[in-house]
Protein backbone atom coordinates (compact mmCIF):
# COMPACT_ATOMS: atom_id res chain seq x y z
CA MET A 1 4.29 0.61 -24.38
CA PRO A 2 7.38 2.44 -23.09
CA ILE A 3 7.43 3.40 -19.44
CA THR A 4 8.11 7.02 -18.60
CA ARG A 5 10.57 7.96 -15.91
CA ASN A 6 7.81 9.91 -14.20
CA GLU A 7 5.69 6.79 -13.86
CA ARG A 8 8.60 4.90 -12.31
CA GLN A 9 9.29 7.75 -9.89
CA PHE A 10 5.63 7.90 -8.92
CA LEU A 11 5.55 4.15 -8.24
CA GLU A 12 8.79 4.27 -6.25
CA GLU A 13 7.41 7.11 -4.12
CA GLU A 14 4.17 5.24 -3.58
CA ARG A 15 6.09 2.09 -2.64
CA ALA A 16 8.01 4.09 -0.03
CA GLU A 17 4.82 5.60 1.46
CA ILE A 18 2.65 2.50 1.73
CA PRO A 19 4.47 0.76 4.63
CA GLY A 20 3.98 3.88 6.76
CA GLN A 21 0.29 3.96 5.90
CA ILE A 22 -0.07 0.30 6.84
CA ALA A 23 1.75 0.90 10.12
CA ALA A 24 -0.55 3.83 10.94
CA TYR A 25 -3.65 1.73 10.24
CA ARG A 26 -2.27 -1.08 12.42
CA ARG A 27 -1.59 1.35 15.29
CA ASP A 28 -5.11 2.69 14.98
CA LEU A 29 -6.51 -0.83 14.88
CA ALA A 30 -4.58 -1.76 18.01
CA ALA A 31 -5.93 1.33 19.78
CA THR A 32 -9.53 0.70 18.70
CA PRO A 33 -11.70 -0.96 21.34
CA ALA A 34 -12.91 -4.47 20.53
CA HIS A 35 -16.54 -3.36 20.81
CA ASP A 36 -16.10 -0.84 17.96
CA LYS A 37 -16.54 -3.51 15.33
CA THR A 38 -17.30 -1.16 12.44
CA ARG A 39 -14.14 0.87 12.90
CA ARG A 40 -12.03 -2.26 13.36
CA GLU A 41 -13.43 -3.80 10.19
CA MET A 42 -12.70 -0.59 8.28
CA ARG A 43 -9.08 -0.51 9.49
CA GLU A 44 -8.65 -4.21 8.64
CA TRP A 45 -10.01 -3.54 5.15
CA GLN A 46 -7.70 -0.53 4.72
CA ILE A 47 -4.70 -2.64 5.73
CA ARG A 48 -5.61 -5.36 3.22
CA GLU A 49 -6.11 -2.79 0.46
CA ARG A 50 -2.75 -1.12 1.13
CA GLU A 51 -1.02 -4.54 1.21
CA LYS A 52 -2.61 -5.40 -2.13
CA ARG A 53 -1.58 -2.06 -3.62
CA LEU A 54 1.98 -2.54 -2.37
CA ALA A 55 2.12 -5.92 -4.14
CA GLU A 56 0.75 -4.33 -7.33
CA VAL A 57 3.29 -1.51 -7.23
CA GLU A 58 6.18 -3.90 -6.61
CA ALA A 59 5.05 -6.15 -9.47
CA ARG A 60 4.80 -3.17 -11.80
CA LEU A 61 8.30 -1.99 -10.87
CA VAL A 62 9.69 -5.46 -11.50
CA ALA A 63 7.94 -5.54 -14.88
CA MET A 64 9.49 -2.16 -15.71
CA LYS A 65 12.97 -3.51 -15.05
CA VAL A 66 12.30 -6.45 -17.36
CA GLU A 67 11.10 -4.08 -20.10
CA GLU A 68 14.29 -2.02 -19.96
């Protein structure tokens, strides 16, 4: 299936945004008291999810280049 330019642009924009999101979650995690286990676990989960999404986006962009 051909890849549209809009899809590539969307993925490139998302790839550019994700590191900032991860950094914000890490800052919040660092500022969260150790006794607030629920909030810390949520931030850790959000970081893992953003890292996974970043890997997915990068893989998709690489696949797009191969398809060209």
